[in-house]
């Protein structure tokens, strides 16, 4: 199954939460309870370093069995330190048998903060 496309807007200095319902080809929710996950935001695919990384290990991605089975979270403390206009991401999940699936990909627009 190929990755879906979804463009994200993050407001600098505010909490960010994105709920995702990841389903199989029969439109059934996939139980991601035993999976791992990783998402990196980069200025380009050639960028040596990511701007920020979300994983289930660092607590910025929560995985489960019910809708939403993927929750992406950045705290206001995370977003206040972001400094870019537009960047790009992809999100992948890895099964316990090491099968990697791309879930989403797209652009990330940072809405700059005025109230500080």
N, C-alpha and C. Protein backbone atom coordinates (compact mmCIF):
# COMPACT_ATOMS: atom_id res chain seq x y z
N UNK A 1 0.84 -1.16 0.00
CA UNK A 1 0.00 0.00 0.00
C UNK A 1 0.90 1.23 0.00
N UNK A 2 0.68 2.15 -0.91
CA UNK A 2 1.53 3.34 -0.98
C UNK A 2 1.08 4.38 0.03
N UNK A 3 2.00 5.24 0.41
CA UNK A 3 1.74 6.27 1.42
C UNK A 3 0.70 7.26 0.92
N UNK A 4 -0.16 7.68 1.82
CA UNK A 4 -1.08 8.75 1.50
C UNK A 4 -0.37 10.08 1.54
N UNK A 5 -0.96 11.09 0.95
CA UNK A 5 -0.37 12.43 0.96
C UNK A 5 -1.23 13.32 1.85
N UNK A 6 -0.55 14.00 2.78
CA UNK A 6 -1.25 14.92 3.68
C UNK A 6 -0.28 16.03 4.07
N UNK A 7 -0.66 17.26 3.76
CA UNK A 7 0.17 18.42 4.10
C UNK A 7 -0.23 18.93 5.49
N UNK A 8 0.77 19.26 6.28
CA UNK A 8 0.60 19.62 7.69
C UNK A 8 0.92 21.10 7.88
N UNK A 9 0.18 21.74 8.78
CA UNK A 9 0.52 23.08 9.26
C UNK A 9 0.77 22.98 10.75
N UNK A 10 1.90 23.51 11.21
CA UNK A 10 2.25 23.55 12.62
C UNK A 10 2.32 25.01 13.04
N UNK A 11 1.64 25.35 14.13
CA UNK A 11 1.70 26.71 14.66
C UNK A 11 2.84 26.79 15.67
N UNK A 12 3.80 27.64 15.39
CA UNK A 12 4.96 27.82 16.27
C UNK A 12 4.49 28.29 17.65
N UNK A 13 5.00 27.65 18.71
CA UNK A 13 4.66 28.04 20.07
C UNK A 13 3.37 27.46 20.60
N UNK A 14 2.71 26.60 19.82
CA UNK A 14 1.46 25.96 20.25
C UNK A 14 1.62 24.45 20.20
N UNK A 15 0.81 23.76 21.00
CA UNK A 15 0.80 22.30 20.93
C UNK A 15 0.27 21.87 19.57
N UNK A 16 0.81 20.77 19.06
CA UNK A 16 0.39 20.20 17.78
C UNK A 16 -0.01 18.76 18.02
N UNK A 17 -1.20 18.38 17.56
CA UNK A 17 -1.67 17.00 17.64
C UNK A 17 -2.33 16.65 16.31
N UNK A 18 -1.96 15.51 15.75
CA UNK A 18 -2.59 15.01 14.54
C UNK A 18 -3.01 13.56 14.77
N UNK A 19 -4.32 13.30 14.68
CA UNK A 19 -4.87 11.96 14.83
C UNK A 19 -4.99 11.31 13.46
N UNK A 20 -4.52 10.08 13.33
CA UNK A 20 -4.52 9.37 12.06
C UNK A 20 -5.19 8.01 12.24
N UNK A 21 -6.10 7.69 11.34
CA UNK A 21 -6.71 6.36 11.30
C UNK A 21 -6.07 5.60 10.14
N UNK A 22 -5.17 4.67 10.47
CA UNK A 22 -4.45 3.89 9.45
C UNK A 22 -5.17 2.56 9.29
N UNK A 23 -5.70 2.34 8.07
CA UNK A 23 -6.53 1.16 7.80
C UNK A 23 -5.92 0.31 6.70
N UNK A 24 -6.34 -0.94 6.65
CA UNK A 24 -5.88 -1.84 5.59
C UNK A 24 -6.74 -1.66 4.33
N UNK A 25 -6.48 -2.45 3.31
CA UNK A 25 -7.18 -2.31 2.03
C UNK A 25 -8.66 -2.67 2.14
N UNK A 26 -9.07 -3.36 3.21
CA UNK A 26 -10.48 -3.68 3.44
C UNK A 26 -11.15 -2.63 4.33
N UNK A 27 -10.47 -1.50 4.55
CA UNK A 27 -10.96 -0.39 5.37
C UNK A 27 -11.12 -0.76 6.84
N UNK A 28 -10.31 -1.72 7.30
CA UNK A 28 -10.32 -2.13 8.71
C UNK A 28 -9.12 -1.51 9.41
N UNK A 29 -9.33 -1.08 10.66
CA UNK A 29 -8.26 -0.48 11.44
C UNK A 29 -7.14 -1.50 11.66
N UNK A 30 -5.90 -1.07 11.47
CA UNK A 30 -4.73 -1.93 11.69
C UNK A 30 -4.30 -1.79 13.14
N UNK A 31 -4.12 -2.92 13.83
CA UNK A 31 -3.64 -2.90 15.21
C UNK A 31 -2.14 -2.66 15.19
N UNK A 32 -1.73 -1.48 15.63
CA UNK A 32 -0.32 -1.09 15.60
C UNK A 32 0.35 -1.23 16.97
N UNK A 33 -0.30 -1.93 17.88
CA UNK A 33 0.19 -2.06 19.25
C UNK A 33 1.59 -2.63 19.37
N UNK A 34 2.01 -3.49 18.45
CA UNK A 34 3.35 -4.09 18.52
C UNK A 34 4.33 -3.46 17.53
N UNK A 35 3.92 -2.40 16.86
CA UNK A 35 4.75 -1.74 15.85
C UNK A 35 5.63 -0.67 16.49
N UNK A 36 6.64 -0.25 15.75
CA UNK A 36 7.40 0.96 16.07
C UNK A 36 7.13 1.96 14.96
N UNK A 37 7.51 3.20 15.18
CA UNK A 37 7.23 4.23 14.18
C UNK A 37 8.29 5.32 14.21
N UNK A 38 8.38 6.02 13.07
CA UNK A 38 9.35 7.11 12.96
C UNK A 38 8.86 8.10 11.91
N UNK A 39 9.03 9.38 12.23
CA UNK A 39 8.72 10.45 11.29
C UNK A 39 9.80 11.50 11.45
N UNK A 40 10.35 11.94 10.33
CA UNK A 40 11.35 13.01 10.36
C UNK A 40 10.88 14.16 9.48
N UNK A 41 11.05 15.37 9.97
CA UNK A 41 10.77 16.57 9.19
C UNK A 41 12.13 17.11 8.74
N UNK A 42 12.27 17.30 7.43
CA UNK A 42 13.53 17.78 6.85
C UNK A 42 13.25 18.89 5.85
N UNK A 43 14.25 19.75 5.65
CA UNK A 43 14.09 20.82 4.65
C UNK A 43 14.04 20.27 3.23
N UNK A 44 14.72 19.15 3.00
CA UNK A 44 14.65 18.45 1.71
C UNK A 44 15.07 17.01 1.94
N UNK A 45 14.85 16.16 0.96
CA UNK A 45 15.26 14.76 1.09
C UNK A 45 16.77 14.61 1.16
N UNK A 46 17.50 15.63 0.70
CA UNK A 46 18.96 15.61 0.72
C UNK A 46 19.56 16.18 2.00
N UNK A 47 18.73 16.74 2.88
CA UNK A 47 19.23 17.35 4.11
C UNK A 47 19.92 16.30 4.98
N UNK A 48 21.10 16.64 5.47
CA UNK A 48 21.87 15.70 6.29
C UNK A 48 21.21 15.44 7.63
N UNK A 49 20.57 16.46 8.18
CA UNK A 49 19.95 16.34 9.50
C UNK A 49 18.47 16.65 9.43
N UNK A 50 17.71 16.00 10.31
CA UNK A 50 16.29 16.32 10.39
C UNK A 50 16.09 17.55 11.27
N UNK A 51 15.03 18.28 11.02
CA UNK A 51 14.67 19.43 11.84
C UNK A 51 14.17 18.93 13.19
N UNK A 52 13.31 17.92 13.15
CA UNK A 52 12.80 17.29 14.37
C UNK A 52 12.37 15.87 14.01
N UNK A 53 12.48 14.97 14.98
CA UNK A 53 12.11 13.58 14.76
C UNK A 53 11.02 13.19 15.75
N UNK A 54 10.02 12.50 15.25
CA UNK A 54 8.96 11.97 16.09
C UNK A 54 9.07 10.45 16.03
N UNK A 55 9.02 9.80 17.19
CA UNK A 55 9.02 8.35 17.26
C UNK A 55 8.11 7.93 18.41
N UNK A 56 7.77 6.64 18.44
CA UNK A 56 7.03 6.17 19.60
C UNK A 56 7.98 6.04 20.79
N UNK A 57 9.28 5.95 20.56
CA UNK A 57 10.26 5.87 21.64
C UNK A 57 10.41 7.22 22.36
N UNK A 58 10.42 8.33 21.61
CA UNK A 58 10.57 9.64 22.25
C UNK A 58 9.24 10.24 22.68
N UNK A 59 8.15 9.48 22.53
CA UNK A 59 6.84 9.92 23.01
C UNK A 59 6.09 10.87 22.11
N UNK A 60 6.62 11.16 20.94
CA UNK A 60 5.94 12.08 20.03
C UNK A 60 4.99 11.36 19.07
N UNK A 61 5.02 10.02 19.09
CA UNK A 61 4.05 9.22 18.34
C UNK A 61 3.48 8.17 19.29
N UNK A 62 2.16 8.07 19.32
CA UNK A 62 1.48 7.01 20.08
C UNK A 62 0.81 6.08 19.08
N UNK A 63 0.99 4.79 19.29
CA UNK A 63 0.41 3.77 18.42
C UNK A 63 -0.60 2.94 19.20
N UNK A 64 -1.66 2.49 18.52
CA UNK A 64 -2.67 1.68 19.20
C UNK A 64 -3.44 0.80 18.24
N UNK A 65 -4.57 0.32 18.72
CA UNK A 65 -5.38 -0.62 17.94
C UNK A 65 -6.69 -0.01 17.46
N UNK A 66 -7.11 1.10 18.05
CA UNK A 66 -8.41 1.68 17.71
C UNK A 66 -8.22 3.07 17.11
N UNK A 67 -9.27 3.59 16.51
CA UNK A 67 -9.25 4.90 15.85
C UNK A 67 -9.14 6.01 16.89
N UNK A 68 -8.16 6.87 16.85
CA UNK A 68 -7.03 6.90 15.92
C UNK A 68 -5.92 5.96 16.40
N UNK A 69 -5.38 5.20 15.48
CA UNK A 69 -4.31 4.26 15.87
C UNK A 69 -2.92 4.86 15.76
N UNK A 70 -2.82 6.09 15.26
CA UNK A 70 -1.56 6.85 15.27
C UNK A 70 -1.89 8.26 15.73
N UNK A 71 -1.16 8.74 16.74
CA UNK A 71 -1.32 10.12 17.20
C UNK A 71 0.06 10.76 17.22
N UNK A 72 0.21 11.83 16.43
CA UNK A 72 1.45 12.60 16.40
C UNK A 72 1.28 13.78 17.36
N UNK A 73 2.31 14.05 18.18
CA UNK A 73 2.22 15.11 19.18
C UNK A 73 3.54 15.87 19.26
N UNK A 74 3.44 17.18 19.20
CA UNK A 74 4.57 18.07 19.52
C UNK A 74 4.07 19.05 20.57
N UNK A 75 4.86 19.26 21.61
CA UNK A 75 4.49 20.21 22.66
C UNK A 75 4.78 21.64 22.19
N UNK A 76 4.20 22.60 22.88
CA UNK A 76 4.50 24.01 22.59
C UNK A 76 6.00 24.27 22.74
N UNK A 77 6.63 23.57 23.69
CA UNK A 77 8.08 23.71 23.86
C UNK A 77 8.86 23.19 22.67
N UNK A 78 8.32 22.17 21.99
CA UNK A 78 8.95 21.66 20.76
C UNK A 78 8.76 22.64 19.61
N UNK A 79 7.53 23.13 19.44
CA UNK A 79 7.23 23.95 18.26
C UNK A 79 7.82 25.35 18.34
N UNK A 80 8.00 25.88 19.56
CA UNK A 80 8.55 27.23 19.69
C UNK A 80 9.98 27.29 19.15
N UNK A 81 10.68 26.16 19.17
CA UNK A 81 12.07 26.13 18.70
C UNK A 81 12.21 25.82 17.21
N UNK A 82 11.11 25.55 16.53
CA UNK A 82 11.18 25.27 15.09
C UNK A 82 11.43 26.56 14.34
N UNK A 83 12.24 26.49 13.27
CA UNK A 83 12.56 27.68 12.50
C UNK A 83 12.75 27.31 11.04
N UNK A 84 11.65 27.25 10.30
CA UNK A 84 11.67 27.00 8.86
C UNK A 84 10.38 27.56 8.29
N UNK A 85 10.30 27.68 7.00
CA UNK A 85 9.06 28.10 6.35
C UNK A 85 8.27 26.88 5.89
N UNK A 86 8.88 26.10 5.01
CA UNK A 86 8.26 24.87 4.51
C UNK A 86 9.30 23.76 4.54
N UNK A 87 8.89 22.61 5.00
CA UNK A 87 9.75 21.44 5.04
C UNK A 87 8.91 20.24 4.57
N UNK A 88 9.48 19.05 4.69
CA UNK A 88 8.82 17.84 4.18
C UNK A 88 8.99 16.71 5.18
N UNK A 89 8.09 15.74 5.12
CA UNK A 89 8.14 14.62 6.05
C UNK A 89 7.65 13.35 5.37
N UNK A 90 7.97 12.23 5.99
CA UNK A 90 7.24 11.00 5.76
C UNK A 90 7.17 10.26 7.09
N UNK A 91 6.13 9.46 7.21
CA UNK A 91 5.85 8.71 8.43
C UNK A 91 5.84 7.24 8.09
N UNK A 92 6.60 6.45 8.84
CA UNK A 92 6.62 5.02 8.60
C UNK A 92 6.36 4.24 9.88
N UNK A 93 5.78 3.06 9.71
CA UNK A 93 5.59 2.13 10.81
C UNK A 93 6.33 0.84 10.46
N UNK A 94 6.82 0.17 11.50
CA UNK A 94 7.59 -1.06 11.31
C UNK A 94 6.96 -2.16 12.17
N UNK A 95 6.59 -3.26 11.51
CA UNK A 95 5.96 -4.37 12.22
C UNK A 95 7.00 -5.14 13.03
N UNK A 96 6.52 -6.04 13.88
CA UNK A 96 7.43 -6.86 14.69
C UNK A 96 8.27 -7.79 13.82
N UNK A 97 7.82 -8.04 12.58
CA UNK A 97 8.61 -8.86 11.64
C UNK A 97 9.50 -7.99 10.76
N UNK A 98 9.66 -6.70 11.11
CA UNK A 98 10.54 -5.74 10.44
C UNK A 98 10.05 -5.30 9.06
N UNK A 99 8.76 -5.43 8.78
CA UNK A 99 8.19 -4.91 7.53
C UNK A 99 7.93 -3.42 7.71
N UNK A 100 8.53 -2.61 6.83
CA UNK A 100 8.39 -1.16 6.90
C UNK A 100 7.29 -0.71 5.93
N UNK A 101 6.36 0.07 6.44
CA UNK A 101 5.28 0.63 5.62
C UNK A 101 5.28 2.14 5.75
N UNK A 102 5.25 2.84 4.62
CA UNK A 102 5.10 4.28 4.62
C UNK A 102 3.61 4.59 4.76
N UNK A 103 3.26 5.40 5.75
CA UNK A 103 1.86 5.72 6.03
C UNK A 103 1.47 7.01 5.33
N UNK A 104 2.21 8.08 5.58
CA UNK A 104 1.91 9.40 5.03
C UNK A 104 3.19 10.09 4.59
N UNK A 105 3.02 11.06 3.71
CA UNK A 105 4.12 11.93 3.29
C UNK A 105 3.51 13.26 2.88
N UNK A 106 4.32 14.30 2.92
CA UNK A 106 3.80 15.60 2.49
C UNK A 106 4.69 16.74 2.93
N UNK A 107 4.13 17.92 2.85
CA UNK A 107 4.88 19.12 3.26
C UNK A 107 4.44 19.54 4.66
N UNK A 108 5.29 20.34 5.29
CA UNK A 108 5.00 20.91 6.60
C UNK A 108 5.21 22.40 6.50
N UNK A 109 4.17 23.15 6.77
CA UNK A 109 4.28 24.61 6.77
C UNK A 109 4.28 25.07 8.22
N UNK A 110 5.26 25.90 8.58
CA UNK A 110 5.33 26.45 9.93
C UNK A 110 4.67 27.83 9.92
N UNK A 111 3.63 27.97 10.74
CA UNK A 111 2.95 29.26 10.91
C UNK A 111 3.67 29.97 12.06
N UNK A 112 4.37 31.05 11.73
CA UNK A 112 5.21 31.74 12.71
C UNK A 112 4.38 32.38 13.83
N UNK A 113 4.98 32.39 15.01
CA UNK A 113 4.34 32.93 16.20
C UNK A 113 4.58 34.44 16.28
N UNK A 114 3.52 35.16 16.67
CA UNK A 114 3.64 36.60 16.89
C UNK A 114 3.56 36.95 18.37
N UNK A 115 2.79 36.18 19.13
CA UNK A 115 2.67 36.40 20.57
C UNK A 115 3.72 35.58 21.27
N UNK A 116 4.65 36.25 21.94
CA UNK A 116 5.79 35.55 22.58
C UNK A 116 5.87 35.87 24.05
